[in-house]
């Protein structure tokens, strides 16, 4: 994205929210220092930075703007100043590669880092990627040896492709202290972020999929006929069919049940069929649900996975989805459909919870509820080869959270290396994480300190909502049967080809769910053989703790 386009979007965004607030847009763009001075009761030197940033802009005050991101970045500079002198990185230029989804991710990073740039003297150049383009761009850089970025926004599943190939710079000890890495939730602590005993990652996100639903669809006298939201995928499928032909109680438009994304998303869309499949196939006590840990044979075509695909095919045949759902990717289902009032149930990353209450485009903030991934009333036991008629649930720890990584490009230049790690540490700071958890950012709670209900209430959230939203995240992180994906080389090659085959299945190009699943399994076998089965198996077993 060109800088002038970004600046124009930021001007538009600020003006749009200023109309909602009844203030002049010029006041929002006066600059970081004057903007901070204009916040009632907020002196920059005040002790409680966390309380201050949660009032920027405040829940119910409209979507945050670039001016807000800069204010937050400025207020969170304290830890940087303990390790970096003013102007220390003058003359340093860094290239940062990350996402631009829904005007989040890199958009926020720009704002957060502008005060950092002003203080340190460094300059950052940006490579902005759509979610669907991310995997291909990263894999191209790895395959051709043309890594052209110093700082990288990346998820832990790619650590096998990057750290495993020696492309990343090891984190200095001072960074771990600055970001207070001990505050991370347990499942994001090592081995996540490490490879070969070395640490490479500044975590900035939690990433588990949670269940969001419309409370006005359920309850006494509701259009679903259900007193409570579905507990299982079987109930989700049933109620999705029952809602066909009914009217949405909030919008008056056609009512819909569960929103499956049927279009690929650069490999990331595969997580959404996983949500169904983990409930059917992630057997308690067995960590393996993608591959057989004895021989690396795919499990994706076993009866549990086939049932997940069949669920979707049945809903397509019943015409239970909105029109043209075949072209709806996960970004569409969350932001263009669910938050905008279309559909009643969704599995997505947890930040839908903060966006529901703090985004200008959301109309469901007062009627949305949360929970962990839905369960199943039966589970497939891969070891016995039989279905067992017992309730099973397995939250999907999809993507293990975004992190900030520094590449080997800076390793030989100590000044540039320190600058890159300082920028990463600023984005992964403890206080900044509270703001990104509470407001639209593309990220969700990932630190133990993010679960202080009192702080969220001070931002303007009501207690019941926060207990529901944060509880869905915490219950997923701490679930004894959580489905944790392996950090192995090529993981997104597997996911991307699976999306391609699923698309064919959804379009009717395969005769059955089983045939679709078999096509995925065959493609996965080829990838494993290309990468090297013996080494893949070794790394896979290690990732499972076997």
Protein backbone atom coordinates (compact mmCIF):
# COMPACT_ATOMS: atom_id res chain seq x y z
CA UNK A 1 0.00 0.00 0.00
CA UNK A 2 1.37 3.44 -0.92
CA UNK A 3 1.92 5.90 1.90
CA UNK A 4 -0.32 8.53 0.34
CA UNK A 5 -3.21 6.01 0.18
CA UNK A 6 -2.65 5.08 3.81
CA UNK A 7 -2.63 8.76 4.84
CA UNK A 8 -5.84 9.39 2.93
CA UNK A 9 -7.54 6.44 4.59
CA UNK A 10 -6.45 7.69 8.00
CA UNK A 11 -7.82 11.16 7.28
CA UNK A 12 -11.12 9.62 6.19
CA UNK A 13 -11.26 7.38 9.25
CA UNK A 14 -10.59 10.25 11.64
CA UNK A 15 -13.24 12.42 9.99
CA UNK A 16 -15.80 9.62 10.11
CA UNK A 17 -15.37 9.08 13.81
CA UNK A 18 -15.25 12.80 14.57
CA UNK A 19 -18.73 13.10 13.07
CA UNK A 20 -19.91 10.41 15.46
CA UNK A 21 -18.30 12.19 18.39
CA UNK A 22 -19.45 15.62 17.32
CA UNK A 23 -15.91 17.04 17.28
CA UNK A 24 -13.84 18.75 14.66
CA UNK A 25 -11.64 16.45 12.60
CA UNK A 26 -8.82 18.98 12.67
CA UNK A 27 -8.45 18.50 16.40
CA UNK A 28 -7.80 14.81 15.86
CA UNK A 29 -4.88 15.51 13.56
CA UNK A 30 -2.92 18.16 15.45
CA UNK A 31 -0.16 15.71 16.34
CA UNK A 32 0.72 13.38 19.13
CA UNK A 33 1.83 15.93 21.72
CA UNK A 34 -1.06 18.33 21.35
CA UNK A 35 -3.53 15.44 21.11
CA UNK A 36 -2.32 14.00 24.38
CA UNK A 37 -2.52 17.36 26.05
CA UNK A 38 -6.13 17.67 24.90
CA UNK A 39 -7.41 14.56 26.67
CA UNK A 40 -9.19 15.67 29.85
CA UNK A 41 -7.50 14.37 32.98
CA UNK A 42 -4.69 12.73 31.01
CA UNK A 43 -1.27 14.22 31.63
CA UNK A 44 1.51 12.34 29.85
CA UNK A 45 3.46 11.99 33.11
CA UNK A 46 0.58 10.37 34.96
CA UNK A 47 1.43 7.13 36.76
CA UNK A 48 -1.34 4.88 35.49
CA UNK A 49 -0.52 4.46 31.81
CA UNK A 50 -2.87 1.49 31.52
CA UNK A 51 -5.87 3.48 32.72
CA UNK A 52 -5.00 6.31 30.31
CA UNK A 53 -4.65 4.21 27.19
CA UNK A 54 -7.94 2.40 27.85
CA UNK A 55 -9.70 5.76 27.51
CA UNK A 56 -8.36 6.21 23.98
CA UNK A 57 -10.90 6.58 22.49
CA UNK A 58 -13.18 4.84 25.03
CA UNK A 59 -15.73 2.09 24.43
CA UNK A 60 -18.74 3.42 22.55
CA UNK A 61 -16.80 6.41 21.19
CA UNK A 62 -16.32 4.96 17.71
CA UNK A 63 -13.45 3.18 16.01
CA UNK A 64 -9.92 4.30 16.95
CA UNK A 65 -8.02 6.38 14.41
CA UNK A 66 -4.37 6.89 13.51
CA UNK A 67 -4.23 9.79 15.96
CA UNK A 68 -5.39 7.43 18.71
CA UNK A 69 -2.81 4.79 17.79
CA UNK A 70 -0.10 7.43 18.00
CA UNK A 71 -1.30 8.58 21.42
CA UNK A 72 -1.21 5.00 22.69
CA UNK A 73 2.24 4.44 21.17
CA UNK A 74 3.53 7.59 22.83
CA UNK A 75 2.16 6.68 26.25
CA UNK A 76 3.73 3.21 26.03
CA UNK A 77 7.26 4.43 25.22
CA UNK A 78 8.50 4.16 28.81
CA UNK A 79 10.08 0.68 28.50
CA UNK A 80 11.83 1.72 25.26
CA UNK A 81 13.42 4.69 27.02
CA UNK A 82 14.99 2.41 29.62
CA UNK A 83 17.01 0.64 26.91
CA UNK A 84 17.43 3.22 24.15
CA UNK A 85 18.80 6.77 24.23
CA UNK A 86 16.97 9.51 22.37
CA UNK A 87 18.19 9.63 18.76
CA UNK A 88 20.27 6.47 19.21
CA UNK A 89 19.10 4.97 15.91
CA UNK A 90 19.46 8.09 13.76
CA UNK A 91 20.17 7.09 10.17
CA UNK A 92 18.82 3.54 10.55
CA UNK A 93 16.18 2.37 8.06
CA UNK A 94 14.22 -0.83 8.62
CA UNK A 95 11.77 -2.70 6.38
CA UNK A 96 8.71 -4.22 8.09
CA UNK A 97 6.52 -6.86 6.39
CA UNK A 98 3.04 -7.54 7.75
CA UNK A 99 -0.70 -7.53 7.05
CA UNK A 100 -3.19 -4.79 6.17
CA UNK A 101 -6.42 -6.75 6.87
CA UNK A 102 -9.54 -4.72 7.69
CA UNK A 103 -7.32 -1.64 8.13
CA UNK A 104 -5.72 -3.32 11.16
CA UNK A 105 -2.30 -4.91 11.82
CA UNK A 106 0.22 -2.77 9.87
CA UNK A 107 -2.11 0.24 10.06
CA UNK A 108 -1.90 0.15 13.85
CA UNK A 109 1.81 -0.64 13.85
CA UNK A 110 2.46 2.55 11.87
CA UNK A 111 0.67 4.62 14.49
CA UNK A 112 2.24 2.82 17.46
CA UNK A 113 5.71 3.18 15.96
CA UNK A 114 5.57 6.82 14.85
CA UNK A 115 6.40 8.05 18.38
CA UNK A 116 9.09 5.34 18.57
CA UNK A 117 10.58 6.61 15.29
CA UNK A 118 10.48 10.20 16.54
CA UNK A 119 12.24 9.25 19.78
CA UNK A 120 14.86 6.84 18.40
CA UNK A 121 15.57 8.53 15.05
CA UNK A 122 14.97 5.33 13.05
CA UNK A 123 12.78 5.13 9.95
CA UNK A 124 10.53 2.21 8.98
CA UNK A 125 9.50 1.28 5.44
CA UNK A 126 6.44 -0.93 5.05
CA UNK A 127 5.45 -4.00 3.02
CA UNK A 128 1.67 -4.46 3.36
CA UNK A 129 0.05 -7.78 2.45
CA UNK A 130 -3.51 -9.02 2.27
CA UNK A 131 -4.14 -12.19 4.28
CA UNK A 132 -4.68 -14.25 1.14
CA UNK A 133 -1.29 -13.12 -0.23
CA UNK A 134 0.75 -13.56 2.94
CA UNK A 135 1.73 -17.22 2.71
CA UNK A 136 2.72 -17.04 -0.97
CA UNK A 137 4.85 -13.92 -0.40
CA UNK A 138 6.67 -15.37 2.59
CA UNK A 139 7.24 -18.74 0.94
CA UNK A 140 8.58 -17.05 -2.19
CA UNK A 141 11.08 -15.10 -0.11
CA UNK A 142 12.19 -18.28 1.66
CA UNK A 143 12.42 -20.43 -1.47
CA UNK A 144 14.36 -17.87 -3.52
CA UNK A 145 16.58 -16.64 -0.71
CA UNK A 146 15.36 -13.08 -1.28
CA UNK A 147 14.28 -12.03 2.20
CA UNK A 148 13.84 -8.29 1.73
CA UNK A 149 12.55 -7.33 5.17
CA UNK A 150 14.21 -6.79 8.56
CA UNK A 151 11.13 -7.16 10.76
CA UNK A 152 8.36 -9.66 10.10
CA UNK A 153 4.85 -10.09 11.48
CA UNK A 154 4.41 -13.87 11.50
CA UNK A 155 2.60 -16.69 13.27
CA UNK A 156 4.33 -19.50 15.16
CA UNK A 157 3.37 -22.18 12.57
CA UNK A 158 5.87 -20.57 10.17
CA UNK A 159 8.76 -20.96 12.63
CA UNK A 160 9.67 -24.29 11.05
CA UNK A 161 10.01 -22.58 7.66
CA UNK A 162 12.01 -19.61 8.96
CA UNK A 163 13.85 -20.40 12.19
CA UNK A 164 14.33 -23.96 10.97
CA UNK A 165 16.16 -22.59 7.91
CA UNK A 166 18.33 -20.16 9.89
CA UNK A 167 16.58 -17.03 8.56
CA UNK A 168 15.83 -15.37 11.92
CA UNK A 169 17.92 -13.39 14.39
CA UNK A 170 18.02 -14.66 17.99
CA UNK A 171 16.27 -12.44 20.55
CA UNK A 172 18.67 -10.54 22.85
CA UNK A 173 18.12 -11.07 26.58
CA UNK A 174 17.18 -7.44 27.19
CA UNK A 175 14.14 -7.77 24.91
CA UNK A 176 12.62 -10.57 26.99
CA UNK A 177 13.00 -8.44 30.10
CA UNK A 178 11.51 -5.34 28.45
CA UNK A 179 8.41 -7.15 27.22
CA UNK A 180 8.00 -9.12 30.49
CA UNK A 181 7.63 -12.41 28.64
CA UNK A 182 6.79 -14.29 31.84
CA UNK A 183 3.36 -12.61 31.63
CA UNK A 184 2.35 -14.66 28.56
CA UNK A 185 -0.45 -17.21 28.95
CA UNK A 186 1.01 -20.66 29.45
CA UNK A 187 0.37 -22.16 26.03
CA UNK A 188 2.28 -19.31 24.31
CA UNK A 189 5.43 -19.81 26.37
CA UNK A 190 8.32 -21.95 25.03
CA UNK A 191 8.55 -24.03 22.97
CA UNK A 192 6.35 -21.57 21.03
CA UNK A 193 8.61 -18.82 19.72
CA UNK A 194 11.73 -20.94 20.04
CA UNK A 195 13.68 -23.26 17.77
CA UNK A 196 16.68 -25.34 18.72
CA UNK A 197 16.64 -23.88 22.21
CA UNK A 198 16.87 -20.27 20.98
CA UNK A 199 14.14 -17.61 21.25
CA UNK A 200 13.08 -15.69 18.15
CA UNK A 201 9.65 -14.23 18.84
CA UNK A 202 7.99 -11.26 20.48
CA UNK A 203 4.39 -12.42 20.96
CA UNK A 204 1.66 -9.87 20.17
CA UNK A 205 -1.45 -12.07 19.98
CA UNK A 206 -3.16 -15.14 21.44
CA UNK A 207 -5.09 -16.64 18.54
CA UNK A 208 -7.58 -19.26 19.47
CA UNK A 209 -10.93 -19.63 17.78
CA UNK A 210 -13.93 -18.91 19.99
CA UNK A 211 -17.66 -19.21 19.40
CA UNK A 212 -19.68 -16.01 18.94
CA UNK A 213 -23.46 -16.08 18.73
CA UNK A 214 -26.46 -13.77 18.61
CA UNK A 215 -28.37 -13.96 21.91
CA UNK A 216 -31.50 -12.58 20.24
CA UNK A 217 -31.70 -15.78 18.15
CA UNK A 218 -31.95 -17.99 21.23
CA UNK A 219 -34.13 -18.08 24.34
CA UNK A 220 -37.81 -18.32 25.17
CA UNK A 221 -39.92 -17.53 22.11
CA UNK A 222 -36.89 -16.97 19.87
CA UNK A 223 -36.89 -17.69 16.14
CA UNK A 224 -34.52 -20.64 16.59
CA UNK A 225 -36.86 -22.46 18.96
CA UNK A 226 -33.88 -23.17 21.23
CA UNK A 227 -33.78 -22.04 24.85
CA UNK A 228 -29.97 -21.92 24.80
CA UNK A 229 -27.34 -21.54 22.08
CA UNK A 230 -26.14 -24.82 20.54
CA UNK A 231 -23.66 -26.85 22.54
CA UNK A 232 -22.66 -29.19 19.71
CA UNK A 233 -21.99 -29.03 15.99
CA UNK A 234 -24.90 -31.38 15.50
CA UNK A 235 -27.20 -28.76 17.06
CA UNK A 236 -25.57 -25.99 15.00
CA UNK A 237 -26.33 -27.88 11.80
CA UNK A 238 -29.91 -28.54 12.88
CA UNK A 239 -30.74 -24.97 13.86
CA UNK A 240 -29.05 -23.55 10.74
CA UNK A 241 -31.54 -25.51 8.64
CA UNK A 242 -34.51 -24.50 10.84
CA UNK A 243 -33.74 -20.81 10.33
CA UNK A 244 -34.16 -20.98 6.55
CA UNK A 245 -36.91 -18.60 5.47
CA UNK A 246 -37.13 -16.71 8.78
CA UNK A 247 -36.38 -13.03 9.48
CA UNK A 248 -33.47 -11.68 11.51
CA UNK A 249 -34.88 -10.14 14.74
CA UNK A 250 -32.43 -7.23 14.61
CA UNK A 251 -32.28 -6.28 10.93
CA UNK A 252 -35.47 -7.73 9.45
CA UNK A 253 -33.37 -9.31 6.72
CA UNK A 254 -33.22 -13.08 6.08
CA UNK A 255 -32.10 -15.06 9.12
CA UNK A 256 -29.12 -17.39 8.91
CA UNK A 257 -27.48 -19.84 11.25
CA UNK A 258 -23.80 -20.67 11.26
CA UNK A 259 -21.50 -18.78 8.89
CA UNK A 260 -18.96 -21.14 7.32
CA UNK A 261 -16.42 -19.39 5.07
CA UNK A 262 -16.40 -21.31 1.80
CA UNK A 263 -13.62 -19.40 0.05
CA UNK A 264 -9.93 -19.92 0.75
CA UNK A 265 -7.78 -17.31 2.46
CA UNK A 266 -4.20 -18.13 1.63
CA UNK A 267 -4.26 -21.21 3.84
CA UNK A 268 -5.86 -19.44 6.81
CA UNK A 269 -9.32 -20.57 5.80
CA UNK A 270 -8.44 -24.17 6.63
CA UNK A 271 -8.69 -23.30 10.33
CA UNK A 272 -12.45 -23.02 9.93
CA UNK A 273 -13.07 -26.59 8.81
CA UNK A 274 -10.70 -27.52 11.63
CA UNK A 275 -13.17 -26.08 14.13
CA UNK A 276 -15.69 -28.74 13.22
CA UNK A 277 -13.08 -31.47 12.79
CA UNK A 278 -11.35 -31.02 16.15
CA UNK A 279 -14.60 -31.74 17.98
CA UNK A 280 -15.00 -34.92 15.94
CA UNK A 281 -11.37 -36.13 15.85
CA UNK A 282 -9.27 -34.64 18.68
CA UNK A 283 -9.59 -37.55 21.07
CA UNK A 284 -8.88 -36.76 24.75
CA UNK A 285 -5.34 -37.70 25.70
CA UNK A 286 -4.21 -38.05 22.08
CA UNK A 287 -2.29 -34.97 20.84
CA UNK A 288 -2.37 -36.07 17.17
CA UNK A 289 -5.23 -34.89 14.97
CA UNK A 290 -3.57 -33.81 11.70
CA UNK A 291 -1.04 -36.58 11.04
CA UNK A 292 -0.31 -40.05 12.40
CA UNK A 293 2.71 -39.64 14.68
CA UNK A 294 4.03 -43.06 13.72
CA UNK A 295 4.42 -42.50 9.98
CA UNK A 296 3.25 -38.94 9.11
CA UNK A 297 0.23 -40.30 7.23
CA UNK A 298 -2.54 -37.68 7.02
CA UNK A 299 -5.54 -38.09 9.31
CA UNK A 300 -7.53 -35.58 7.30
CA UNK A 301 -9.52 -38.27 5.48
CA UNK A 302 -10.57 -40.30 8.51
CA UNK A 303 -14.30 -40.48 9.41
CA UNK A 304 -14.14 -37.51 11.76
CA UNK A 305 -12.71 -35.16 9.14
CA UNK A 306 -15.11 -36.52 6.54
CA UNK A 307 -18.01 -35.70 8.87
CA UNK A 308 -16.78 -32.10 9.18
CA UNK A 309 -16.75 -31.71 5.40
CA UNK A 310 -20.12 -33.43 5.10
CA UNK A 311 -21.62 -30.90 7.54
CA UNK A 312 -20.73 -28.07 5.18
CA UNK A 313 -21.91 -29.91 2.08
CA UNK A 314 -25.25 -30.57 3.77
CA UNK A 315 -25.74 -26.88 4.58
CA UNK A 316 -24.79 -25.89 1.04
CA UNK A 317 -27.37 -28.35 -0.33
CA UNK A 318 -30.01 -27.03 2.08
CA UNK A 319 -29.28 -23.44 0.98
CA UNK A 320 -28.74 -22.49 4.61
CA UNK A 321 -26.04 -19.91 3.85
CA UNK A 322 -26.33 -16.32 2.58
CA UNK A 323 -26.29 -15.91 -1.18
CA UNK A 324 -22.85 -16.25 -2.80
CA UNK A 325 -21.32 -17.76 0.34
CA UNK A 326 -19.05 -19.73 -1.98
CA UNK A 327 -17.12 -16.45 -2.38
CA UNK A 328 -17.10 -15.55 1.33
CA UNK A 329 -13.68 -15.85 2.99
CA UNK A 330 -13.22 -15.64 6.79
CA UNK A 331 -12.78 -11.87 6.70
CA UNK A 332 -16.19 -11.62 5.03
CA UNK A 333 -17.94 -13.88 7.54
CA UNK A 334 -16.67 -11.90 10.53
CA UNK A 335 -16.65 -8.28 9.42
CA UNK A 336 -19.05 -8.03 6.48
CA UNK A 337 -21.59 -10.55 7.75
CA UNK A 338 -21.68 -11.32 11.47
CA UNK A 339 -20.68 -7.92 12.92
CA UNK A 340 -22.86 -6.19 10.32
CA UNK A 341 -25.95 -8.18 11.37
CA UNK A 342 -26.00 -11.15 8.97
CA UNK A 343 -26.04 -14.60 10.55
CA UNK A 344 -26.31 -15.80 14.12
CA UNK A 345 -23.26 -17.97 14.82
CA UNK A 346 -19.57 -17.77 14.02
CA UNK A 347 -16.26 -19.32 14.95
CA UNK A 348 -13.46 -16.79 14.69
CA UNK A 349 -10.42 -15.46 16.43
CA UNK A 350 -11.31 -13.82 19.71
CA UNK A 351 -10.90 -10.22 18.58
CA UNK A 352 -14.44 -10.35 17.20
CA UNK A 353 -15.37 -9.82 20.85
CA UNK A 354 -13.64 -6.46 21.16
CA UNK A 355 -14.68 -5.36 17.66
CA UNK A 356 -18.34 -6.04 18.45
CA UNK A 357 -18.30 -3.25 21.04
CA UNK A 358 -15.73 -0.81 19.66
CA UNK A 359 -16.03 -0.85 15.86
CA UNK A 360 -18.17 1.65 13.93
CA UNK A 361 -19.37 -1.10 11.63
CA UNK A 362 -20.69 -3.45 14.31
CA UNK A 363 -24.44 -3.53 15.01
CA UNK A 364 -24.45 -6.63 17.24
CA UNK A 365 -22.55 -5.39 20.29
CA UNK A 366 -25.59 -5.49 22.56
CA UNK A 367 -26.75 -8.97 21.54
CA UNK A 368 -23.56 -11.01 21.12
CA UNK A 369 -22.43 -13.78 23.43
CA UNK A 370 -19.37 -16.04 23.53
CA UNK A 371 -18.15 -19.52 24.35
CA UNK A 372 -15.49 -22.05 23.43
CA UNK A 373 -15.54 -24.12 20.25
CA UNK A 374 -18.70 -26.22 20.13
CA UNK A 375 -18.42 -29.90 20.98
CA UNK A 376 -19.77 -33.09 19.47
CA UNK A 377 -21.98 -35.80 20.92
CA UNK A 378 -19.61 -38.39 19.47
CA UNK A 379 -15.86 -38.56 18.82
CA UNK A 380 -13.77 -40.67 16.46
CA UNK A 381 -11.00 -42.68 18.12
CA UNK A 382 -8.27 -43.06 15.50
CA UNK A 383 -6.51 -45.79 17.49
CA UNK A 384 -9.54 -48.08 17.69
CA UNK A 385 -10.95 -46.95 14.34
CA UNK A 386 -14.37 -46.48 15.94
CA UNK A 387 -16.79 -43.69 16.82
CA UNK A 388 -17.54 -43.38 20.53
CA UNK A 389 -20.87 -41.97 21.64
CA UNK A 390 -19.61 -39.51 24.24
CA UNK A 391 -19.46 -35.73 24.38
CA UNK A 392 -16.18 -34.22 23.23
CA UNK A 393 -14.89 -30.68 22.86
CA UNK A 394 -11.52 -29.47 21.60
CA UNK A 395 -10.88 -25.72 21.24
CA UNK A 396 -8.83 -24.87 18.16
CA UNK A 397 -5.64 -22.95 19.01
CA UNK A 398 -5.58 -21.62 15.47
CA UNK A 399 -2.23 -20.15 14.44
CA UNK A 400 -0.67 -19.85 17.94
CA UNK A 401 -0.88 -16.09 17.71
CA UNK A 402 0.92 -13.46 15.68
CA UNK A 403 4.39 -12.44 16.72
CA UNK A 404 7.13 -10.03 15.65
CA UNK A 405 10.36 -11.56 14.38
CA UNK A 406 13.68 -10.04 13.30
CA UNK A 407 15.54 -11.51 10.32
CA UNK A 408 19.20 -12.30 9.80
CA UNK A 409 19.51 -9.26 7.52
CA UNK A 410 20.34 -7.16 10.58
CA UNK A 411 22.60 -9.59 12.43
CA UNK A 412 25.89 -8.14 11.22
CA UNK A 413 24.98 -4.51 12.04
CA UNK A 414 24.60 -4.14 15.81
CA UNK A 415 22.99 -0.69 15.63
CA UNK A 416 20.42 -1.84 13.10
CA UNK A 417 19.89 -5.08 15.01
CA UNK A 418 19.16 -3.25 18.26
CA UNK A 419 16.80 -0.90 16.43
CA UNK A 420 14.85 -3.80 14.90
CA UNK A 421 14.49 -5.55 18.25
CA UNK A 422 13.55 -2.30 19.97
CA UNK A 423 10.71 -1.76 17.48
CA UNK A 424 9.55 -5.36 18.03
CA UNK A 425 9.70 -4.94 21.81
CA UNK A 426 7.65 -1.74 21.63
CA UNK A 427 4.89 -3.54 19.71
CA UNK A 428 5.01 -6.46 22.15
CA UNK A 429 4.94 -4.35 25.30
CA UNK A 430 2.81 -5.34 28.28
CA UNK A 431 0.77 -2.13 28.42
CA UNK A 432 0.30 -1.89 24.66
CA UNK A 433 -1.08 -5.44 24.71
CA UNK A 434 -3.93 -4.34 26.95
CA UNK A 435 -5.02 -1.74 24.41
CA UNK A 436 -4.79 -4.13 21.44
CA UNK A 437 -6.86 -6.66 23.38
CA UNK A 438 -9.58 -4.14 24.22
CA UNK A 439 -9.89 -2.37 20.86
CA UNK A 440 -10.01 -3.44 17.18
CA UNK A 441 -6.47 -4.49 16.29
CA UNK A 442 -6.52 -7.95 14.71
CA UNK A 443 -5.33 -9.42 18.02
CA UNK A 444 -6.83 -10.90 21.15
CA UNK A 445 -5.78 -11.26 24.81
CA UNK A 446 -2.52 -13.17 25.17
CA UNK A 447 -1.09 -12.16 28.54
CA UNK A 448 -2.17 -13.12 32.03
CA UNK A 449 -2.43 -9.40 32.82
CA UNK A 450 -4.96 -8.96 30.00
CA UNK A 451 -7.59 -10.76 32.07
CA UNK A 452 -8.10 -8.11 34.75
CA UNK A 453 -11.84 -7.45 34.52
CA UNK A 454 -11.61 -4.20 36.51
CA UNK A 455 -9.37 -2.60 33.90
CA UNK A 456 -11.78 -3.45 31.09
CA UNK A 457 -14.69 -2.00 33.05
CA UNK A 458 -12.81 1.29 33.37
CA UNK A 459 -12.56 1.39 29.58
CA UNK A 460 -16.36 1.25 29.34
CA UNK A 461 -17.09 -2.47 28.99
CA UNK A 462 -19.77 -3.89 31.26
CA UNK A 463 -18.74 -6.66 33.61
CA UNK A 464 -21.03 -9.38 32.26
CA UNK A 465 -19.84 -8.85 28.70
CA UNK A 466 -16.18 -9.02 29.68
CA UNK A 467 -16.65 -12.10 31.80
CA UNK A 468 -18.29 -13.76 28.81
CA UNK A 469 -15.75 -12.61 26.22
CA UNK A 470 -12.56 -13.02 28.24
CA UNK A 471 -13.90 -16.24 29.70
CA UNK A 472 -14.22 -17.77 26.24
CA UNK A 473 -10.55 -16.99 25.59
CA UNK A 474 -9.31 -18.21 28.96
CA UNK A 475 -11.37 -21.40 28.84
CA UNK A 476 -9.94 -22.17 25.40
CA UNK A 477 -6.32 -21.47 26.39
CA UNK A 478 -6.61 -23.67 29.47
CA UNK A 479 -8.69 -26.50 28.04
CA UNK A 480 -7.21 -29.97 28.68
CA UNK A 481 -8.12 -31.17 25.17
CA UNK A 482 -7.08 -28.08 23.23
CA UNK A 483 -6.07 -28.80 19.61
CA UNK A 484 -2.61 -27.28 19.16
CA UNK A 485 -1.20 -27.26 15.66
CA UNK A 486 2.36 -28.42 14.95
CA UNK A 487 5.16 -25.99 14.12
CA UNK A 488 6.59 -27.97 11.22
CA UNK A 489 8.07 -26.82 7.91
CA UNK A 490 5.51 -26.42 5.16
CA UNK A 491 2.46 -26.30 7.43
CA UNK A 492 0.84 -23.64 5.24
CA UNK A 493 1.65 -25.60 2.12
CA UNK A 494 -0.56 -28.31 3.60
CA UNK A 495 -3.26 -25.78 4.54
CA UNK A 496 -3.23 -24.01 1.18
CA UNK A 497 -3.62 -27.16 -0.89
CA UNK A 498 -6.37 -28.31 1.49
CA UNK A 499 -8.24 -25.07 0.79
CA UNK A 500 -7.93 -25.70 -2.93
CA UNK A 501 -9.39 -29.20 -2.63
CA UNK A 502 -12.15 -28.06 -0.26
CA UNK A 503 -13.16 -25.40 -2.78
CA UNK A 504 -13.52 -28.10 -5.42
CA UNK A 505 -15.59 -30.20 -3.04
CA UNK A 506 -17.87 -27.31 -2.11
CA UNK A 507 -18.36 -26.53 -5.81
CA UNK A 508 -19.46 -30.10 -6.48
CA UNK A 509 -16.36 -31.20 -8.40
CA UNK A 510 -15.94 -34.21 -6.14
CA UNK A 511 -18.67 -36.81 -5.68
CA UNK A 512 -18.57 -36.88 -1.88
CA UNK A 513 -17.04 -35.61 1.33
CA UNK A 514 -14.87 -38.72 1.43
CA UNK A 515 -13.54 -38.08 -2.07
CA UNK A 516 -12.77 -34.48 -1.12
CA UNK A 517 -10.94 -35.60 2.02
CA UNK A 518 -9.02 -38.25 0.08
CA UNK A 519 -7.84 -35.61 -2.39
CA UNK A 520 -6.52 -33.50 0.50
CA UNK A 521 -4.75 -36.51 2.01
CA UNK A 522 -3.11 -37.39 -1.32
CA UNK A 523 -1.86 -33.83 -1.76
CA UNK A 524 -0.49 -33.83 1.79
CA UNK A 525 1.41 -37.04 1.14
CA UNK A 526 3.15 -35.42 -1.83
CA UNK A 527 4.15 -32.39 0.27
CA UNK A 528 5.55 -34.61 3.03
CA UNK A 529 7.61 -36.58 0.54
CA UNK A 530 8.88 -33.39 -1.11
CA UNK A 531 9.99 -31.89 2.20
CA UNK A 532 11.34 -35.18 3.56
CA UNK A 533 9.19 -37.63 5.49
CA UNK A 534 11.76 -38.70 8.07
CA UNK A 535 12.63 -35.17 9.15
CA UNK A 536 8.98 -34.06 9.07
CA UNK A 537 8.04 -36.99 11.29
CA UNK A 538 10.82 -36.16 13.73
CA UNK A 539 9.79 -32.52 13.98
CA UNK A 540 6.10 -33.41 14.18
CA UNK A 541 6.65 -35.80 17.06
CA UNK A 542 8.74 -33.19 18.86
CA UNK A 543 5.98 -30.61 18.43
CA UNK A 544 3.52 -33.06 20.03
CA UNK A 545 5.84 -33.69 22.95
CA UNK A 546 6.38 -37.33 21.92
